[in-house]
Amino acid sequence: MPRITITLSEEIYQALKEAATRQRRPMNVIIEESLRMRGIKSRRQAQALVARARQSANLSEEDALTLATGETRKLRHR
């Protein structure tokens, strides 16, 4: 599993540490969950999302990709 180093404000770090303790879960699990909630997806997951959208909406690949990209950007900016 890859490792990264991130810089957090002291306030956010303490909040994350407290949440991990309260929930009895590792900080990395909370961070990964937060990234997923923000719509961060692997290329494979994004391609599967586009394929499902195309199937259910009967869209061309180009139209489905445009729609998926727009929706992902909206979610990330919330």
N, C-alpha and C. Protein backbone atom coordinates (compact mmCIF):
# COMPACT_ATOMS: atom_id res chain seq x y z
N MET A 1 0.85 -1.17 0.00
CA MET A 1 0.00 0.00 0.00
C MET A 1 0.90 1.24 0.00
N PRO A 2 0.64 2.19 -0.89
CA PRO A 2 1.46 3.40 -0.93
C PRO A 2 1.29 4.24 0.34
N ARG A 3 2.33 4.96 0.67
CA ARG A 3 2.30 5.86 1.82
C ARG A 3 2.51 7.28 1.32
N ILE A 4 1.82 8.23 1.95
CA ILE A 4 2.01 9.64 1.61
C ILE A 4 2.20 10.44 2.87
N THR A 5 2.73 11.62 2.72
CA THR A 5 2.85 12.57 3.83
C THR A 5 1.99 13.77 3.48
N ILE A 6 1.14 14.17 4.42
CA ILE A 6 0.31 15.35 4.21
C ILE A 6 0.52 16.32 5.35
N THR A 7 0.25 17.57 5.09
CA THR A 7 0.36 18.61 6.11
C THR A 7 -1.04 19.09 6.44
N LEU A 8 -1.40 19.02 7.71
CA LEU A 8 -2.71 19.47 8.18
C LEU A 8 -2.52 20.57 9.20
N SER A 9 -3.52 21.42 9.33
CA SER A 9 -3.47 22.39 10.42
C SER A 9 -3.55 21.62 11.73
N GLU A 10 -3.06 22.21 12.77
CA GLU A 10 -3.10 21.56 14.09
C GLU A 10 -4.55 21.27 14.49
N GLU A 11 -5.44 22.19 14.18
CA GLU A 11 -6.86 22.02 14.53
C GLU A 11 -7.47 20.81 13.82
N ILE A 12 -7.22 20.66 12.52
CA ILE A 12 -7.76 19.53 11.76
C ILE A 12 -7.12 18.23 12.22
N TYR A 13 -5.80 18.26 12.46
CA TYR A 13 -5.12 17.06 12.93
C TYR A 13 -5.72 16.57 14.25
N GLN A 14 -5.93 17.49 15.20
CA GLN A 14 -6.49 17.11 16.49
C GLN A 14 -7.92 16.58 16.34
N ALA A 15 -8.70 17.21 15.45
CA ALA A 15 -10.07 16.74 15.22
C ALA A 15 -10.05 15.33 14.62
N LEU A 16 -9.15 15.09 13.68
CA LEU A 16 -9.03 13.76 13.07
C LEU A 16 -8.61 12.73 14.11
N LYS A 17 -7.64 13.09 14.91
CA LYS A 17 -7.14 12.18 15.96
C LYS A 17 -8.25 11.84 16.96
N GLU A 18 -9.02 12.85 17.36
CA GLU A 18 -10.12 12.63 18.30
C GLU A 18 -11.22 11.77 17.67
N ALA A 19 -11.54 12.04 16.41
CA ALA A 19 -12.56 11.24 15.72
C ALA A 19 -12.12 9.78 15.62
N ALA A 20 -10.87 9.56 15.30
CA ALA A 20 -10.34 8.20 15.20
C ALA A 20 -10.44 7.48 16.55
N THR A 21 -10.13 8.19 17.60
CA THR A 21 -10.21 7.59 18.94
C THR A 21 -11.66 7.28 19.30
N ARG A 22 -12.55 8.25 19.08
CA ARG A 22 -13.97 8.05 19.41
C ARG A 22 -14.57 6.88 18.62
N GLN A 23 -14.22 6.81 17.34
CA GLN A 23 -14.80 5.80 16.46
C GLN A 23 -14.04 4.47 16.50
N ARG A 24 -12.90 4.49 17.21
CA ARG A 24 -12.04 3.30 17.29
C ARG A 24 -11.66 2.80 15.89
N ARG A 25 -11.27 3.75 15.04
CA ARG A 25 -10.84 3.44 13.68
C ARG A 25 -9.54 4.18 13.40
N PRO A 26 -8.69 3.63 12.57
CA PRO A 26 -7.44 4.32 12.24
C PRO A 26 -7.71 5.60 11.44
N MET A 27 -6.82 6.56 11.59
CA MET A 27 -6.96 7.83 10.88
C MET A 27 -6.99 7.63 9.37
N ASN A 28 -6.17 6.70 8.85
CA ASN A 28 -6.14 6.50 7.40
C ASN A 28 -7.49 6.01 6.87
N VAL A 29 -8.23 5.25 7.66
CA VAL A 29 -9.54 4.77 7.23
C VAL A 29 -10.51 5.95 7.12
N ILE A 30 -10.45 6.85 8.08
CA ILE A 30 -11.31 8.04 8.05
C ILE A 30 -10.95 8.92 6.86
N ILE A 31 -9.66 9.08 6.59
CA ILE A 31 -9.22 9.90 5.46
C ILE A 31 -9.68 9.27 4.15
N GLU A 32 -9.49 7.96 3.98
CA GLU A 32 -9.93 7.28 2.75
C GLU A 32 -11.44 7.41 2.57
N GLU A 33 -12.19 7.25 3.63
CA GLU A 33 -13.64 7.38 3.56
C GLU A 33 -14.01 8.80 3.13
N SER A 34 -13.33 9.78 3.67
CA SER A 34 -13.60 11.18 3.31
C SER A 34 -13.31 11.44 1.84
N LEU A 35 -12.23 10.87 1.33
CA LEU A 35 -11.89 11.04 -0.08
C LEU A 35 -12.96 10.40 -0.97
N ARG A 36 -13.42 9.22 -0.59
CA ARG A 36 -14.48 8.57 -1.37
C ARG A 36 -15.75 9.41 -1.36
N MET A 37 -16.07 9.99 -0.21
CA MET A 37 -17.27 10.82 -0.11
C MET A 37 -17.15 12.08 -0.97
N ARG A 38 -15.93 12.53 -1.22
CA ARG A 38 -15.71 13.70 -2.08
C ARG A 38 -15.68 13.32 -3.56
N GLY A 39 -15.89 12.05 -3.85
CA GLY A 39 -15.98 11.63 -5.24
C GLY A 39 -14.67 11.21 -5.87
N ILE A 40 -13.62 11.02 -5.07
CA ILE A 40 -12.33 10.59 -5.60
C ILE A 40 -12.46 9.13 -6.01
N LYS A 41 -12.21 8.85 -7.28
CA LYS A 41 -12.35 7.50 -7.79
C LYS A 41 -11.13 7.12 -8.62
N SER A 42 -10.84 5.84 -8.65
CA SER A 42 -9.79 5.34 -9.53
C SER A 42 -10.30 5.40 -10.97
N ARG A 43 -9.40 5.29 -11.92
CA ARG A 43 -9.80 5.29 -13.33
C ARG A 43 -10.78 4.14 -13.60
N ARG A 44 -10.50 2.97 -13.02
CA ARG A 44 -11.37 1.81 -13.21
C ARG A 44 -12.78 2.09 -12.69
N GLN A 45 -12.88 2.69 -11.51
CA GLN A 45 -14.18 3.00 -10.93
C GLN A 45 -14.92 4.03 -11.78
N ALA A 46 -14.18 5.03 -12.27
CA ALA A 46 -14.80 6.06 -13.11
C ALA A 46 -15.30 5.46 -14.41
N GLN A 47 -14.53 4.57 -15.01
CA GLN A 47 -14.96 3.92 -16.26
C GLN A 47 -16.21 3.07 -16.03
N ALA A 48 -16.27 2.39 -14.91
CA ALA A 48 -17.45 1.58 -14.59
C ALA A 48 -18.67 2.47 -14.40
N LEU A 49 -18.47 3.63 -13.76
CA LEU A 49 -19.56 4.59 -13.57
C LEU A 49 -20.09 5.07 -14.92
N VAL A 50 -19.20 5.39 -15.82
CA VAL A 50 -19.59 5.85 -17.16
C VAL A 50 -20.34 4.74 -17.90
N ALA A 51 -19.85 3.52 -17.80
CA ALA A 51 -20.50 2.40 -18.47
C ALA A 51 -21.93 2.20 -17.95
N ARG A 52 -22.10 2.28 -16.62
CA ARG A 52 -23.44 2.14 -16.04
C ARG A 52 -24.35 3.28 -16.48
N ALA A 53 -23.81 4.49 -16.52
CA ALA A 53 -24.61 5.64 -16.96
C ALA A 53 -25.04 5.48 -18.41
N ARG A 54 -24.12 5.02 -19.23
CA ARG A 54 -24.45 4.81 -20.65
C ARG A 54 -25.55 3.77 -20.80
N GLN A 55 -25.44 2.69 -20.07
CA GLN A 55 -26.44 1.62 -20.18
C GLN A 55 -27.82 2.11 -19.76
N SER A 56 -27.88 2.74 -18.62
CA SER A 56 -29.19 3.11 -18.08
C SER A 56 -29.80 4.31 -18.80
N ALA A 57 -28.98 5.19 -19.36
CA ALA A 57 -29.50 6.38 -20.03
C ALA A 57 -29.51 6.27 -21.55
N ASN A 58 -28.98 5.17 -22.06
CA ASN A 58 -28.91 4.96 -23.51
C ASN A 58 -28.18 6.13 -24.20
N LEU A 59 -27.00 6.49 -23.67
CA LEU A 59 -26.20 7.59 -24.20
C LEU A 59 -25.01 7.06 -24.99
N SER A 60 -24.51 7.90 -25.89
CA SER A 60 -23.26 7.56 -26.58
C SER A 60 -22.13 7.66 -25.56
N GLU A 61 -20.98 7.09 -25.89
CA GLU A 61 -19.84 7.16 -24.98
C GLU A 61 -19.46 8.61 -24.71
N GLU A 62 -19.43 9.43 -25.74
CA GLU A 62 -19.05 10.84 -25.58
C GLU A 62 -20.04 11.59 -24.70
N ASP A 63 -21.34 11.39 -24.92
CA ASP A 63 -22.36 12.06 -24.11
C ASP A 63 -22.30 11.60 -22.65
N ALA A 64 -22.10 10.32 -22.45
CA ALA A 64 -22.02 9.78 -21.09
C ALA A 64 -20.79 10.34 -20.36
N LEU A 65 -19.67 10.41 -21.05
CA LEU A 65 -18.46 10.95 -20.44
C LEU A 65 -18.64 12.41 -20.07
N THR A 66 -19.25 13.18 -20.94
CA THR A 66 -19.52 14.60 -20.66
C THR A 66 -20.41 14.74 -19.43
N LEU A 67 -21.46 13.94 -19.37
CA LEU A 67 -22.37 13.99 -18.24
C LEU A 67 -21.67 13.58 -16.94
N ALA A 68 -20.91 12.49 -16.97
CA ALA A 68 -20.21 12.01 -15.77
C ALA A 68 -19.18 13.02 -15.29
N THR A 69 -18.46 13.63 -16.22
CA THR A 69 -17.46 14.63 -15.84
C THR A 69 -18.12 15.83 -15.17
N GLY A 70 -19.21 16.29 -15.73
CA GLY A 70 -19.93 17.42 -15.15
C GLY A 70 -20.46 17.12 -13.76
N GLU A 71 -21.04 15.93 -13.59
CA GLU A 71 -21.58 15.56 -12.28
C GLU A 71 -20.47 15.40 -11.24
N THR A 72 -19.35 14.82 -11.64
CA THR A 72 -18.23 14.66 -10.72
C THR A 72 -17.71 16.02 -10.27
N ARG A 73 -17.58 16.94 -11.20
CA ARG A 73 -17.11 18.29 -10.84
C ARG A 73 -18.07 18.98 -9.90
N LYS A 74 -19.36 18.82 -10.12
CA LYS A 74 -20.36 19.42 -9.22
C LYS A 74 -20.20 18.87 -7.81
N LEU A 75 -20.06 17.55 -7.70
CA LEU A 75 -19.90 16.94 -6.38
C LEU A 75 -18.64 17.41 -5.68
N ARG A 76 -17.56 17.56 -6.43
CA ARG A 76 -16.29 17.97 -5.82
C ARG A 76 -16.31 19.41 -5.37
N HIS A 77 -17.16 20.24 -5.94
CA HIS A 77 -17.20 21.66 -5.57
C HIS A 77 -18.21 21.96 -4.47
N ARG A 78 -18.89 20.95 -3.97
CA ARG A 78 -19.85 21.17 -2.88
C ARG A 78 -19.16 21.38 -1.57
